[in-house]
Structure formats: C-alpha cells, structure tokens
N, C-alpha and C. Protein backbone atom coordinates (compact mmCIF):
# COMPACT_ATOMS: atom_id res chain seq x y z
N MET A 1 95.65 86.89 74.88
CA MET A 1 95.27 86.89 76.28
C MET A 1 94.09 85.94 76.45
N SER A 2 94.17 85.05 77.41
CA SER A 2 93.11 84.07 77.62
C SER A 2 91.85 84.75 78.16
N GLU A 3 90.72 84.08 77.97
CA GLU A 3 89.45 84.61 78.46
C GLU A 3 89.46 84.74 79.98
N ALA A 4 90.03 83.78 80.67
CA ALA A 4 90.09 83.83 82.14
C ALA A 4 90.90 85.03 82.60
N LEU A 5 92.00 85.30 81.91
CA LEU A 5 92.84 86.45 82.27
C LEU A 5 92.10 87.76 82.00
N LYS A 6 91.37 87.81 80.88
CA LYS A 6 90.58 89.01 80.56
C LYS A 6 89.50 89.25 81.62
N LEU A 7 88.82 88.19 82.03
CA LEU A 7 87.79 88.31 83.05
C LEU A 7 88.39 88.79 84.38
N GLU A 8 89.54 88.24 84.73
CA GLU A 8 90.23 88.64 85.97
C GLU A 8 90.61 90.13 85.90
N ARG A 9 91.14 90.53 84.77
CA ARG A 9 91.54 91.94 84.59
C ARG A 9 90.33 92.85 84.64
N ASN A 10 89.25 92.46 84.00
CA ASN A 10 88.03 93.27 84.02
C ASN A 10 87.48 93.40 85.44
N ARG A 11 87.53 92.30 86.18
CA ARG A 11 87.07 92.34 87.57
C ARG A 11 87.95 93.27 88.40
N ASP A 12 89.27 93.21 88.20
CA ASP A 12 90.18 94.08 88.92
C ASP A 12 89.93 95.55 88.59
N VAL A 13 89.69 95.83 87.31
CA VAL A 13 89.41 97.21 86.89
C VAL A 13 88.11 97.70 87.51
N ALA A 14 87.08 96.86 87.49
CA ALA A 14 85.79 97.22 88.08
C ALA A 14 85.93 97.46 89.58
N GLU A 15 86.72 96.62 90.25
CA GLU A 15 86.93 96.78 91.69
C GLU A 15 87.65 98.09 91.98
N LEU A 16 88.64 98.42 91.18
CA LEU A 16 89.37 99.67 91.37
C LEU A 16 88.48 100.87 91.11
N GLN A 17 87.67 100.80 90.07
CA GLN A 17 86.75 101.90 89.77
C GLN A 17 85.76 102.10 90.91
N ALA A 18 85.24 101.02 91.45
CA ALA A 18 84.31 101.12 92.57
C ALA A 18 85.00 101.72 93.79
N GLU A 19 86.22 101.33 94.02
CA GLU A 19 86.98 101.86 95.16
C GLU A 19 87.26 103.35 94.98
N VAL A 20 87.60 103.76 93.78
CA VAL A 20 87.83 105.18 93.50
C VAL A 20 86.56 105.98 93.74
N ALA A 21 85.44 105.49 93.27
CA ALA A 21 84.17 106.19 93.47
C ALA A 21 83.81 106.27 94.95
N ARG A 22 84.02 105.17 95.67
CA ARG A 22 83.74 105.16 97.11
C ARG A 22 84.63 106.15 97.85
N MET A 23 85.90 106.17 97.47
CA MET A 23 86.85 107.07 98.10
C MET A 23 86.49 108.53 97.82
N ALA A 24 86.14 108.83 96.60
CA ALA A 24 85.76 110.20 96.24
C ALA A 24 84.53 110.64 97.03
N ASP A 25 83.54 109.77 97.13
CA ASP A 25 82.34 110.11 97.91
C ASP A 25 82.69 110.34 99.37
N MET A 26 83.54 109.47 99.92
CA MET A 26 83.90 109.61 101.32
C MET A 26 84.67 110.91 101.58
N VAL A 27 85.61 111.23 100.71
CA VAL A 27 86.39 112.45 100.89
C VAL A 27 85.49 113.69 100.79
N CYS A 28 84.58 113.68 99.82
CA CYS A 28 83.66 114.82 99.68
C CYS A 28 82.79 114.98 100.92
N GLU A 29 82.23 113.89 101.40
CA GLU A 29 81.36 113.96 102.58
C GLU A 29 82.15 114.36 103.82
N ALA A 30 83.32 113.79 104.00
CA ALA A 30 84.14 114.13 105.17
C ALA A 30 84.57 115.59 105.13
N THR A 31 84.90 116.08 103.96
CA THR A 31 85.30 117.48 103.83
C THR A 31 84.14 118.40 104.15
N ARG A 32 82.97 118.09 103.61
CA ARG A 32 81.78 118.90 103.88
C ARG A 32 81.45 118.89 105.37
N GLN A 33 81.45 117.70 105.96
CA GLN A 33 81.12 117.59 107.38
C GLN A 33 82.14 118.31 108.26
N ALA A 34 83.41 118.17 107.94
CA ALA A 34 84.45 118.85 108.72
C ALA A 34 84.31 120.36 108.61
N ALA A 35 83.99 120.84 107.43
CA ALA A 35 83.82 122.28 107.25
C ALA A 35 82.65 122.79 108.08
N LEU A 36 81.53 122.08 108.05
CA LEU A 36 80.37 122.49 108.84
C LEU A 36 80.68 122.46 110.34
N GLU A 37 81.34 121.40 110.77
CA GLU A 37 81.69 121.31 112.19
C GLU A 37 82.69 122.39 112.58
N GLY A 38 83.65 122.64 111.72
CA GLY A 38 84.64 123.68 112.01
C GLY A 38 84.01 125.05 112.12
N ILE A 39 83.10 125.35 111.22
CA ILE A 39 82.41 126.65 111.26
C ILE A 39 81.59 126.76 112.54
N GLY A 40 80.84 125.72 112.85
CA GLY A 40 80.03 125.74 114.06
C GLY A 40 80.88 125.86 115.31
N SER A 41 81.97 125.14 115.35
CA SER A 41 82.86 125.20 116.51
C SER A 41 83.51 126.57 116.64
N ALA A 42 83.96 127.11 115.54
CA ALA A 42 84.59 128.43 115.58
C ALA A 42 83.60 129.49 116.06
N LEU A 43 82.38 129.43 115.58
CA LEU A 43 81.36 130.40 116.02
C LEU A 43 81.04 130.23 117.50
N ALA A 44 80.95 128.98 117.95
CA ALA A 44 80.66 128.73 119.36
C ALA A 44 81.78 129.23 120.26
N VAL A 45 83.02 128.97 119.88
CA VAL A 45 84.16 129.42 120.68
C VAL A 45 84.24 130.93 120.69
N ALA A 46 84.02 131.54 119.53
CA ALA A 46 84.07 133.01 119.46
C ALA A 46 82.98 133.65 120.31
N ALA A 47 81.82 133.03 120.37
CA ALA A 47 80.71 133.60 121.12
C ALA A 47 80.79 133.34 122.61
N ASP A 48 81.61 132.38 123.02
CA ASP A 48 81.62 131.95 124.41
C ASP A 48 83.04 131.94 124.95
N ARG A 49 83.55 133.08 125.24
CA ARG A 49 84.92 133.17 125.78
C ARG A 49 84.87 133.01 127.29
N THR A 50 85.23 131.80 127.71
CA THR A 50 85.24 131.49 129.15
C THR A 50 86.58 130.85 129.49
N MET A 51 86.70 130.46 130.74
CA MET A 51 87.92 129.78 131.18
C MET A 51 88.09 128.43 130.49
N GLU A 52 86.99 127.85 130.01
CA GLU A 52 87.04 126.54 129.36
C GLU A 52 87.38 126.63 127.87
N THR A 53 87.49 127.82 127.34
CA THR A 53 87.73 127.98 125.90
C THR A 53 88.97 127.22 125.43
N PRO A 54 90.13 127.32 126.10
CA PRO A 54 91.30 126.54 125.63
C PRO A 54 91.05 125.03 125.61
N ASP A 55 90.32 124.51 126.59
CA ASP A 55 90.00 123.08 126.61
C ASP A 55 89.09 122.72 125.44
N ARG A 56 88.14 123.58 125.14
CA ARG A 56 87.24 123.32 124.02
C ARG A 56 87.99 123.34 122.70
N VAL A 57 88.91 124.28 122.57
CA VAL A 57 89.71 124.35 121.35
C VAL A 57 90.54 123.08 121.19
N ARG A 58 91.15 122.60 122.27
CA ARG A 58 91.93 121.37 122.24
C ARG A 58 91.05 120.17 121.88
N ASP A 59 89.85 120.11 122.44
CA ASP A 59 88.93 119.02 122.12
C ASP A 59 88.57 119.02 120.63
N ILE A 60 88.32 120.20 120.10
CA ILE A 60 88.00 120.32 118.67
C ILE A 60 89.19 119.86 117.83
N ALA A 61 90.38 120.29 118.20
CA ALA A 61 91.58 119.89 117.45
C ALA A 61 91.77 118.38 117.51
N ASN A 62 91.54 117.78 118.66
CA ASN A 62 91.67 116.32 118.79
C ASN A 62 90.64 115.59 117.93
N HIS A 63 89.45 116.15 117.87
CA HIS A 63 88.40 115.55 117.03
C HIS A 63 88.81 115.61 115.55
N VAL A 64 89.33 116.74 115.12
CA VAL A 64 89.78 116.88 113.73
C VAL A 64 90.92 115.91 113.44
N LEU A 65 91.85 115.76 114.36
CA LEU A 65 92.96 114.83 114.18
C LEU A 65 92.47 113.38 114.09
N ALA A 66 91.49 113.03 114.89
CA ALA A 66 90.93 111.67 114.84
C ALA A 66 90.30 111.40 113.48
N ARG A 67 89.58 112.38 112.97
CA ARG A 67 88.97 112.22 111.64
C ARG A 67 90.04 112.12 110.56
N ALA A 68 91.10 112.89 110.70
CA ALA A 68 92.19 112.82 109.72
C ALA A 68 92.84 111.44 109.75
N SER A 69 92.96 110.85 110.92
CA SER A 69 93.54 109.52 111.05
C SER A 69 92.66 108.48 110.34
N ILE A 70 91.36 108.60 110.49
CA ILE A 70 90.43 107.69 109.81
C ILE A 70 90.58 107.85 108.30
N MET A 71 90.65 109.07 107.82
CA MET A 71 90.79 109.31 106.39
C MET A 71 92.12 108.76 105.89
N GLN A 72 93.18 108.88 106.68
CA GLN A 72 94.47 108.33 106.26
C GLN A 72 94.39 106.82 106.10
N GLY A 73 93.67 106.17 107.00
CA GLY A 73 93.47 104.73 106.89
C GLY A 73 92.74 104.37 105.61
N GLU A 74 91.74 105.15 105.25
CA GLU A 74 91.01 104.90 104.02
C GLU A 74 91.89 105.15 102.79
N ILE A 75 92.70 106.17 102.85
CA ILE A 75 93.62 106.45 101.74
C ILE A 75 94.63 105.32 101.60
N ASP A 76 95.15 104.82 102.71
CA ASP A 76 96.09 103.68 102.66
C ASP A 76 95.42 102.46 102.04
N ARG A 77 94.17 102.21 102.43
CA ARG A 77 93.43 101.07 101.88
C ARG A 77 93.23 101.26 100.38
N PHE A 78 92.87 102.45 99.97
CA PHE A 78 92.70 102.75 98.56
C PHE A 78 93.99 102.53 97.78
N MET A 79 95.11 102.98 98.34
CA MET A 79 96.38 102.84 97.64
C MET A 79 96.76 101.37 97.46
N LYS A 80 96.43 100.52 98.42
CA LYS A 80 96.68 99.08 98.27
C LYS A 80 95.92 98.53 97.07
N VAL A 81 94.66 98.91 96.97
CA VAL A 81 93.85 98.44 95.84
C VAL A 81 94.40 99.00 94.54
N ALA A 82 94.78 100.27 94.55
CA ALA A 82 95.30 100.91 93.34
C ALA A 82 96.60 100.25 92.88
N ARG A 83 97.37 99.74 93.83
CA ARG A 83 98.62 99.07 93.48
C ARG A 83 98.41 97.59 93.11
N GLY A 84 97.17 97.15 93.17
CA GLY A 84 96.87 95.78 92.80
C GLY A 84 96.97 94.78 93.92
N GLN A 85 97.12 95.26 95.15
CA GLN A 85 97.18 94.36 96.31
C GLN A 85 95.77 94.11 96.80
N ARG A 86 95.55 92.94 97.34
CA ARG A 86 94.24 92.63 97.93
C ARG A 86 94.15 93.28 99.30
N HIS A 87 92.96 93.67 99.69
CA HIS A 87 92.75 94.27 101.01
C HIS A 87 92.09 93.32 101.95
C-alpha cells in the first residue's frame, strides 16, 4: 500500500472517528434535553388543566417531532460518512 493511500485511509478513519464522537455527544445531549423538557412539560400540563391544555399538548408534540427531524438529519449525515461518502 502506498504512503499516499495510507495517509488517505488514516485521514478517513480519523474523520469517521470524529464524526462518531460528535454524533454520540449530540445524541446524549439531545436525549438529556428532551427528557428534561418532557418532564417539565408533563408537570406543567398536569398542574394546569384548562381549555388550552389540548393545544399545549399538541405544541409539545410538534416540538418533539421537530427535534426528532433534526436528529434524523444528523443520523443521515453520519451514515453518509460511515459509508465513505463525502458530506
């Protein structure tokens, strides 16, 4: 294997490792943040039963879905790198 090929492979491996670490950090932080927000939202809705409660529940669900969409985009980006495609 030529030196240039070895250097290219090492760079690709380092890039993938960095992407895996970034993805793991992001997933951990997003999970923690979503859990805290979910707990807070659930407590607020439980404590405040009004006519607006269904709207608030829908807003919370939409917020969670938006965050899931962002995470899916990051997972798709990660999978491209993992498959050796450039992003």
